[in-house]
């Protein structure tokens, strides 16, 4: 049974924390102690991306729902290998995690990553990132449509929010669809990380003992606010 799929199906928003390979077993123990909902394994940030090393790191998080991400440099990641090497690593990882995240723009590997996910009953997150702006509403809608047509289980939209209008566009897309993760980056977008889950965004992202990405709140603050504003989250977590 896919643990993450079961959690998503409850309709209660989840809190994900990203991890690289610097913490190992210690980081995994901290994640379990903190009761992290989802461990995002950011393989593109690993110092060693050999399959054996990566699988050992994934194994350390056994018992926690795991989302494997090998983010392309084109969308803010740190992957430095070829697309074939990235695809091979996705194939090696997929049977050992609950979900994989691959960018809609990664056309060279997208179909194969999603096919491998389906083969192993693993959730597929098809993602889109824009670190400069929030595109027009019609462009965002087209992105969601394209990701769905590609075969996404969940569509992730993460854009830089510089104004209330940007947040309104993101909220509109979120309200129009299902099975979405929608995030506004930047200072203006911080509110989206707490309040978009109330509109249906499935996962919000935070950090434990690491530098935040744009607009993130730390894990303790995120959980505190989620408990306050999302009673279902508090009841499930409790």
C-alpha atoms as a PDB file:
ATOM      1  CA  UNK A   1       0.000   0.000   0.000  1.00  0.00           C
ATOM      2  CA  UNK A   2       1.263   3.458  -0.894  1.00  0.00           C
ATOM      3  CA  UNK A   3       1.359   5.344   2.414  1.00  0.00           C
ATOM      4  CA  UNK A   4       1.493   8.792   0.844  1.00  0.00           C
ATOM      5  CA  UNK A   5      -1.452   8.054  -1.443  1.00  0.00           C
ATOM      6  CA  UNK A   6      -3.497   7.045   1.610  1.00  0.00           C
ATOM      7  CA  UNK A   7      -2.588  10.292   3.397  1.00  0.00           C
ATOM      8  CA  UNK A   8      -3.409  12.402   0.339  1.00  0.00           C
ATOM      9  CA  UNK A   9      -6.770  10.665   0.045  1.00  0.00           C
ATOM     10  CA  UNK A  10      -7.779  11.814   3.550  1.00  0.00           C
ATOM     11  CA  UNK A  11      -8.026  15.363   2.205  1.00  0.00           C
ATOM     12  CA  UNK A  12      -5.963  16.720   5.101  1.00  0.00           C
ATOM     13  CA  UNK A  13      -3.014  18.895   4.010  1.00  0.00           C
ATOM     14  CA  UNK A  14       0.470  17.495   4.560  1.00  0.00           C
ATOM     15  CA  UNK A  15       3.761  19.080   5.581  1.00  0.00           C
ATOM     16  CA  UNK A  16       6.877  18.041   3.653  1.00  0.00           C
ATOM     17  CA  UNK A  17      10.493  18.616   4.661  1.00  0.00           C
ATOM     18  CA  UNK A  18      13.345  18.418   2.152  1.00  0.00           C
ATOM     19  CA  UNK A  19      16.535  16.474   2.938  1.00  0.00           C
ATOM     20  CA  UNK A  20      19.873  16.070   1.201  1.00  0.00           C
ATOM     21  CA  UNK A  21      22.469  13.417   2.124  1.00  0.00           C
ATOM     22  CA  UNK A  22      24.357  15.353   4.762  1.00  0.00           C
ATOM     23  CA  UNK A  23      22.300  14.203   7.741  1.00  0.00           C
ATOM     24  CA  UNK A  24      21.911  10.510   7.005  1.00  0.00           C
ATOM     25  CA  UNK A  25      20.391   8.420   9.791  1.00  0.00           C
ATOM     26  CA  UNK A  26      20.478  11.354  12.207  1.00  0.00           C
ATOM     27  CA  UNK A  27      18.310  13.487   9.904  1.00  0.00           C
ATOM     28  CA  UNK A  28      15.903  10.602   9.415  1.00  0.00           C
ATOM     29  CA  UNK A  29      15.581  10.133  13.184  1.00  0.00           C
ATOM     30  CA  UNK A  30      14.921  13.857  13.617  1.00  0.00           C
ATOM     31  CA  UNK A  31      12.238  13.681  10.931  1.00  0.00           C
ATOM     32  CA  UNK A  32      10.535  10.758  12.664  1.00  0.00           C
ATOM     33  CA  UNK A  33      10.750  12.470  16.058  1.00  0.00           C
ATOM     34  CA  UNK A  34       9.222  15.644  14.620  1.00  0.00           C
ATOM     35  CA  UNK A  35       6.465  13.595  12.940  1.00  0.00           C
ATOM     36  CA  UNK A  36       7.190  14.934   9.477  1.00  0.00           C
ATOM     37  CA  UNK A  37       4.400  13.958   7.077  1.00  0.00           C
ATOM     38  CA  UNK A  38       6.539  13.651   3.941  1.00  0.00           C
ATOM     39  CA  UNK A  39      10.308  13.390   3.548  1.00  0.00           C
ATOM     40  CA  UNK A  40      11.296  14.941   0.229  1.00  0.00           C
ATOM     41  CA  UNK A  41      14.588  13.326  -0.770  1.00  0.00           C
ATOM     42  CA  UNK A  42      16.374  15.994  -2.847  1.00  0.00           C
ATOM     43  CA  UNK A  43      18.752  13.745  -4.741  1.00  0.00           C
ATOM     44  CA  UNK A  44      19.984  16.614  -6.932  1.00  0.00           C
ATOM     45  CA  UNK A  45      21.514  18.119  -3.771  1.00  0.00           C
ATOM     46  CA  UNK A  46      23.418  14.978  -2.859  1.00  0.00           C
ATOM     47  CA  UNK A  47      27.190  15.029  -2.780  1.00  0.00           C
ATOM     48  CA  UNK A  48      27.176  11.504  -4.209  1.00  0.00           C
ATOM     49  CA  UNK A  49      24.477  10.591  -6.735  1.00  0.00           C
ATOM     50  CA  UNK A  50      25.560   6.993  -7.291  1.00  0.00           C
ATOM     51  CA  UNK A  51      22.574   4.651  -7.081  1.00  0.00           C
ATOM     52  CA  UNK A  52      23.937   2.633  -4.149  1.00  0.00           C
ATOM     53  CA  UNK A  53      24.542   5.740  -2.047  1.00  0.00           C
ATOM     54  CA  UNK A  54      21.156   7.236  -2.945  1.00  0.00           C
ATOM     55  CA  UNK A  55      19.311   4.040  -2.063  1.00  0.00           C
ATOM     56  CA  UNK A  56      21.062   3.871   1.305  1.00  0.00           C
ATOM     57  CA  UNK A  57      19.900   7.409   2.040  1.00  0.00           C
ATOM     58  CA  UNK A  58      16.334   6.552   1.044  1.00  0.00           C
ATOM     59  CA  UNK A  59      16.435   3.461   3.245  1.00  0.00           C
ATOM     60  CA  UNK A  60      17.303   5.638   6.246  1.00  0.00           C
ATOM     61  CA  UNK A  61      13.852   7.226   5.962  1.00  0.00           C
ATOM     62  CA  UNK A  62      12.025   3.899   5.972  1.00  0.00           C
ATOM     63  CA  UNK A  63       8.695   4.288   7.762  1.00  0.00           C
ATOM     64  CA  UNK A  64       8.166   7.844   6.513  1.00  0.00           C
ATOM     65  CA  UNK A  65       6.377   8.620   3.250  1.00  0.00           C
ATOM     66  CA  UNK A  66       9.182   9.528   0.836  1.00  0.00           C
ATOM     67  CA  UNK A  67       9.048  11.782  -2.220  1.00  0.00           C
ATOM     68  CA  UNK A  68      12.087  11.531  -4.513  1.00  0.00           C
ATOM     69  CA  UNK A  69      13.077  14.669  -6.408  1.00  0.00           C
ATOM     70  CA  UNK A  70      15.981  15.014  -8.838  1.00  0.00           C
ATOM     71  CA  UNK A  71      15.421  18.632  -9.766  1.00  0.00           C
ATOM     72  CA  UNK A  72      16.775  19.859 -13.099  1.00  0.00           C
ATOM     73  CA  UNK A  73      18.988  22.914 -13.222  1.00  0.00           C
ATOM     74  CA  UNK A  74      16.497  24.502 -15.608  1.00  0.00           C
ATOM     75  CA  UNK A  75      13.992  24.711 -12.743  1.00  0.00           C
ATOM     76  CA  UNK A  76      16.214  25.686  -9.861  1.00  0.00           C
ATOM     77  CA  UNK A  77      17.771  22.312  -9.070  1.00  0.00           C
ATOM     78  CA  UNK A  78      21.359  21.140  -8.849  1.00  0.00           C
ATOM     79  CA  UNK A  79      21.440  18.045 -11.061  1.00  0.00           C
ATOM     80  CA  UNK A  80      24.655  18.027 -13.073  1.00  0.00           C
ATOM     81  CA  UNK A  81      24.467  14.694 -14.865  1.00  0.00           C
ATOM     82  CA  UNK A  82      22.881  13.828 -18.190  1.00  0.00           C
ATOM     83  CA  UNK A  83      19.179  13.244 -18.694  1.00  0.00           C
ATOM     84  CA  UNK A  84      19.848   9.552 -19.302  1.00  0.00           C
ATOM     85  CA  UNK A  85      21.665   9.340 -15.966  1.00  0.00           C
ATOM     86  CA  UNK A  86      18.771  11.121 -14.278  1.00  0.00           C
ATOM     87  CA  UNK A  87      16.281   8.720 -15.837  1.00  0.00           C
ATOM     88  CA  UNK A  88      18.352   5.717 -14.736  1.00  0.00           C
ATOM     89  CA  UNK A  89      18.415   7.062 -11.191  1.00  0.00           C
ATOM     90  CA  UNK A  90      14.647   7.648 -11.192  1.00  0.00           C
ATOM     91  CA  UNK A  91      14.186   4.035 -12.329  1.00  0.00           C
ATOM     92  CA  UNK A  92      16.414   2.765  -9.503  1.00  0.00           C
ATOM     93  CA  UNK A  93      14.705   4.935  -6.881  1.00  0.00           C
ATOM     94  CA  UNK A  94      11.056   4.603  -7.783  1.00  0.00           C
ATOM     95  CA  UNK A  95      10.370   1.140  -6.314  1.00  0.00           C
ATOM     96  CA  UNK A  96      11.661   2.381  -2.934  1.00  0.00           C
ATOM     97  CA  UNK A  97       9.642   5.596  -2.484  1.00  0.00           C
ATOM     98  CA  UNK A  98       6.006   6.673  -2.310  1.00  0.00           C
ATOM     99  CA  UNK A  99       6.212   9.433  -4.917  1.00  0.00           C
ATOM    100  CA  UNK A 100       8.483  11.013  -7.501  1.00  0.00           C
ATOM    101  CA  UNK A 101       8.609  14.641  -8.645  1.00  0.00           C
ATOM    102  CA  UNK A 102       9.602  15.413 -12.242  1.00  0.00           C
ATOM    103  CA  UNK A 103       9.299  18.698 -14.112  1.00  0.00           C
ATOM    104  CA  UNK A 104       6.816  19.146 -16.949  1.00  0.00           C
ATOM    105  CA  UNK A 105       9.658  20.769 -18.892  1.00  0.00           C
ATOM    106  CA  UNK A 106      11.790  17.605 -18.667  1.00  0.00           C
ATOM    107  CA  UNK A 107      10.362  16.169 -21.873  1.00  0.00           C
ATOM    108  CA  UNK A 108      13.308  13.854 -22.483  1.00  0.00           C
ATOM    109  CA  UNK A 109      12.533  11.808 -19.357  1.00  0.00           C
ATOM    110  CA  UNK A 110       8.980  12.750 -18.356  1.00  0.00           C
ATOM    111  CA  UNK A 111       7.062   9.923 -20.017  1.00  0.00           C
ATOM    112  CA  UNK A 112       9.473   7.237 -18.830  1.00  0.00           C
ATOM    113  CA  UNK A 113       9.521   8.541 -15.248  1.00  0.00           C
ATOM    114  CA  UNK A 114       5.712   8.522 -15.146  1.00  0.00           C
ATOM    115  CA  UNK A 115       5.514   5.070 -16.704  1.00  0.00           C
ATOM    116  CA  UNK A 116       7.920   3.720 -14.074  1.00  0.00           C
ATOM    117  CA  UNK A 117       5.847   5.335 -11.318  1.00  0.00           C
ATOM    118  CA  UNK A 118       2.663   3.706 -12.607  1.00  0.00           C
ATOM    119  CA  UNK A 119       4.391   0.341 -12.839  1.00  0.00           C
ATOM    120  CA  UNK A 120       5.281   0.488  -9.130  1.00  0.00           C
ATOM    121  CA  UNK A 121       2.082   2.168  -7.832  1.00  0.00           C
ATOM    122  CA  UNK A 122       4.069   5.291  -6.976  1.00  0.00           C
ATOM    123  CA  UNK A 123       2.489   8.740  -7.039  1.00  0.00           C
ATOM    124  CA  UNK A 124       3.753  11.067  -9.737  1.00  0.00           C
ATOM    125  CA  UNK A 125       4.116  14.791  -9.088  1.00  0.00           C
ATOM    126  CA  UNK A 126       4.567  16.765 -12.300  1.00  0.00           C
ATOM    127  CA  UNK A 127       5.942  20.162 -11.386  1.00  0.00           C
ATOM    128  CA  UNK A 128       6.404  23.633 -12.809  1.00  0.00           C
ATOM    129  CA  UNK A 129       8.574  26.357 -11.270  1.00  0.00           C
ATOM    130  CA  UNK A 130       9.059  30.005 -12.175  1.00  0.00           C
ATOM    131  CA  UNK A 131      11.496  31.824  -9.885  1.00  0.00           C
ATOM    132  CA  UNK A 132      11.011  35.204 -11.552  1.00  0.00           C
ATOM    133  CA  UNK A 133       7.262  35.772 -11.797  1.00  0.00           C
ATOM    134  CA  UNK A 134       3.766  34.323 -11.696  1.00  0.00           C
ATOM    135  CA  UNK A 135       2.641  33.727 -15.289  1.00  0.00           C
ATOM    136  CA  UNK A 136      -0.758  34.869 -16.600  1.00  0.00           C
ATOM    137  CA  UNK A 137      -3.776  32.828 -15.561  1.00  0.00           C
ATOM    138  CA  UNK A 138      -4.266  31.220 -18.953  1.00  0.00           C
ATOM    139  CA  UNK A 139      -0.636  30.069 -18.947  1.00  0.00           C
ATOM    140  CA  UNK A 140      -1.055  28.525 -15.503  1.00  0.00           C
ATOM    141  CA  UNK A 141      -4.203  26.750 -16.626  1.00  0.00           C
ATOM    142  CA  UNK A 142      -2.375  25.423 -19.676  1.00  0.00           C
ATOM    143  CA  UNK A 143       0.422  24.121 -17.467  1.00  0.00           C
ATOM    144  CA  UNK A 144      -2.052  22.224 -15.293  1.00  0.00           C
ATOM    145  CA  UNK A 145      -3.777  20.827 -18.376  1.00  0.00           C
ATOM    146  CA  UNK A 146      -0.488  19.716 -19.942  1.00  0.00           C
ATOM    147  CA  UNK A 147       0.650  18.037 -16.729  1.00  0.00           C
ATOM    148  CA  UNK A 148      -2.650  16.180 -16.453  1.00  0.00           C
ATOM    149  CA  UNK A 149      -2.422  15.036 -20.063  1.00  0.00           C
ATOM    150  CA  UNK A 150       1.109  13.791 -19.383  1.00  0.00           C
ATOM    151  CA  UNK A 151      -0.325  11.541 -16.653  1.00  0.00           C
ATOM    152  CA  UNK A 152       0.334  13.395 -13.385  1.00  0.00           C
ATOM    153  CA  UNK A 153      -1.313  12.207 -10.178  1.00  0.00           C
ATOM    154  CA  UNK A 154      -0.518  15.568  -8.584  1.00  0.00           C
ATOM    155  CA  UNK A 155       0.369  18.817 -10.338  1.00  0.00           C
ATOM    156  CA  UNK A 156       2.728  21.184  -8.533  1.00  0.00           C
ATOM    157  CA  UNK A 157       2.817  24.880  -9.439  1.00  0.00           C
ATOM    158  CA  UNK A 158       5.409  27.022  -7.663  1.00  0.00           C
ATOM    159  CA  UNK A 159       5.947  30.607  -8.832  1.00  0.00           C
ATOM    160  CA  UNK A 160       7.389  33.860  -7.521  1.00  0.00           C
ATOM    161  CA  UNK A 161       4.576  35.952  -6.028  1.00  0.00           C
ATOM    162  CA  UNK A 162       5.346  39.664  -6.085  1.00  0.00           C
ATOM    163  CA  UNK A 163       1.846  41.080  -5.549  1.00  0.00           C
ATOM    164  CA  UNK A 164      -1.633  40.289  -4.296  1.00  0.00           C
ATOM    165  CA  UNK A 165      -2.674  39.823  -7.917  1.00  0.00           C
ATOM    166  CA  UNK A 166      -0.098  37.041  -8.246  1.00  0.00           C
ATOM    167  CA  UNK A 167      -1.570  35.300  -5.202  1.00  0.00           C
ATOM    168  CA  UNK A 168      -5.074  35.720  -6.610  1.00  0.00           C
ATOM    169  CA  UNK A 169      -4.040  34.041  -9.871  1.00  0.00           C
ATOM    170  CA  UNK A 170      -2.494  31.145  -8.009  1.00  0.00           C
ATOM    171  CA  UNK A 171      -5.568  30.826  -5.794  1.00  0.00           C
ATOM    172  CA  UNK A 172      -7.814  30.846  -8.855  1.00  0.00           C
ATOM    173  CA  UNK A 173      -5.919  27.960 -10.427  1.00  0.00           C
ATOM    174  CA  UNK A 174      -6.047  26.065  -7.140  1.00  0.00           C
ATOM    175  CA  UNK A 175      -9.800  26.545  -6.752  1.00  0.00           C
ATOM    176  CA  UNK A 176     -10.443  25.433 -10.323  1.00  0.00           C
ATOM    177  CA  UNK A 177      -8.774  22.046  -9.959  1.00  0.00           C
ATOM    178  CA  UNK A 178      -8.175  18.993  -7.826  1.00  0.00           C
ATOM    179  CA  UNK A 179      -5.014  17.172  -6.788  1.00  0.00           C
ATOM    180  CA  UNK A 180      -2.860  20.289  -6.936  1.00  0.00           C
ATOM    181  CA  UNK A 181       0.080  21.616  -4.951  1.00  0.00           C
ATOM    182  CA  UNK A 182       0.217  25.388  -5.398  1.00  0.00           C
ATOM    183  CA  UNK A 183       2.866  27.596  -3.806  1.00  0.00           C
ATOM    184  CA  UNK A 184       3.717  31.270  -4.043  1.00  0.00           C
ATOM    185  CA  UNK A 185       7.410  31.872  -3.462  1.00  0.00           C
ATOM    186  CA  UNK A 186       8.931  34.980  -1.940  1.00  0.00           C
ATOM    187  CA  UNK A 187       7.855  37.175   0.963  1.00  0.00           C
ATOM    188  CA  UNK A 188       4.463  37.882  -0.588  1.00  0.00           C
ATOM    189  CA  UNK A 189       3.955  34.188  -1.191  1.00  0.00           C
ATOM    190  CA  UNK A 190       4.581  33.106   2.405  1.00  0.00           C
ATOM    191  CA  UNK A 191       0.867  33.262   3.222  1.00  0.00           C
ATOM    192  CA  UNK A 192       0.181  30.715   0.484  1.00  0.00           C
ATOM    193  CA  UNK A 193       2.225  28.118   2.358  1.00  0.00           C
ATOM    194  CA  UNK A 194      -0.277  28.164   5.229  1.00  0.00           C
ATOM    195  CA  UNK A 195      -3.566  29.230   3.673  1.00  0.00           C
ATOM    196  CA  UNK A 196      -3.544  27.546   0.259  1.00  0.00           C
ATOM    197  CA  UNK A 197      -3.913  24.151   1.977  1.00  0.00           C
ATOM    198  CA  UNK A 198      -7.328  25.416   3.152  1.00  0.00           C
ATOM    199  CA  UNK A 199      -8.218  25.851  -0.529  1.00  0.00           C
ATOM    200  CA  UNK A 200      -7.121  22.342  -1.432  1.00  0.00           C
ATOM    201  CA  UNK A 201      -3.342  22.458  -1.940  1.00  0.00           C
ATOM    202  CA  UNK A 202      -2.211  18.983  -0.917  1.00  0.00           C
ATOM    203  CA  UNK A 203       1.303  19.596   0.427  1.00  0.00           C
ATOM    204  CA  UNK A 204       3.167  22.547   1.908  1.00  0.00           C
ATOM    205  CA  UNK A 205       6.967  22.548   2.133  1.00  0.00           C
ATOM    206  CA  UNK A 206       9.200  23.583   5.001  1.00  0.00           C
ATOM    207  CA  UNK A 207      12.635  22.825   6.507  1.00  0.00           C
ATOM    208  CA  UNK A 208      14.331  21.355   9.567  1.00  0.00           C
ATOM    209  CA  UNK A 209      17.713  22.779  10.528  1.00  0.00           C
ATOM    210  CA  UNK A 210      18.564  24.061   7.053  1.00  0.00           C
ATOM    211  CA  UNK A 211      18.416  27.280   5.103  1.00  0.00           C
ATOM    212  CA  UNK A 212      14.906  27.995   3.814  1.00  0.00           C
ATOM    213  CA  UNK A 213      13.982  28.508   0.218  1.00  0.00           C
ATOM    214  CA  UNK A 214      12.154  31.635  -0.826  1.00  0.00           C
ATOM    215  CA  UNK A 215       9.305  32.457   1.544  1.00  0.00           C
ATOM    216  CA  UNK A 216       9.417  29.265   3.607  1.00  0.00           C
ATOM    217  CA  UNK A 217       8.633  29.154   7.307  1.00  0.00           C
ATOM    218  CA  UNK A 218      10.494  26.660   9.478  1.00  0.00           C
ATOM    219  CA  UNK A 219       8.907  23.344  10.422  1.00  0.00           C
ATOM    220  CA  UNK A 220       7.919  24.294  13.976  1.00  0.00           C
ATOM    221  CA  UNK A 221       6.243  27.520  12.862  1.00  0.00           C
ATOM    222  CA  UNK A 222       4.558  25.825   9.918  1.00  0.00           C
ATOM    223  CA  UNK A 223       3.089  23.068  12.095  1.00  0.00           C
ATOM    224  CA  UNK A 224       1.955  25.575  14.729  1.00  0.00           C
ATOM    225  CA  UNK A 225       0.087  27.611  12.124  1.00  0.00           C
ATOM    226  CA  UNK A 226      -1.328  24.548  10.414  1.00  0.00           C
ATOM    227  CA  UNK A 227      -2.724  23.359  13.732  1.00  0.00           C
ATOM    228  CA  UNK A 228      -4.275  26.763  14.341  1.00  0.00           C
ATOM    229  CA  UNK A 229      -5.862  27.297  10.948  1.00  0.00           C
ATOM    230  CA  UNK A 230      -6.575  23.702   9.876  1.00  0.00           C
ATOM    231  CA  UNK A 231      -8.436  21.806  12.618  1.00  0.00           C
ATOM    232  CA  UNK A 232      -8.365  18.582  10.578  1.00  0.00           C
ATOM    233  CA  UNK A 233      -4.571  18.766  10.463  1.00  0.00           C
ATOM    234  CA  UNK A 234      -4.383  19.017  14.238  1.00  0.00           C
ATOM    235  CA  UNK A 235      -6.789  16.135  14.763  1.00  0.00           C
ATOM    236  CA  UNK A 236      -4.942  13.860  12.323  1.00  0.00           C
ATOM    237  CA  UNK A 237      -1.559  14.826  13.692  1.00  0.00           C
ATOM    238  CA  UNK A 238      -2.727  14.342  17.252  1.00  0.00           C
END
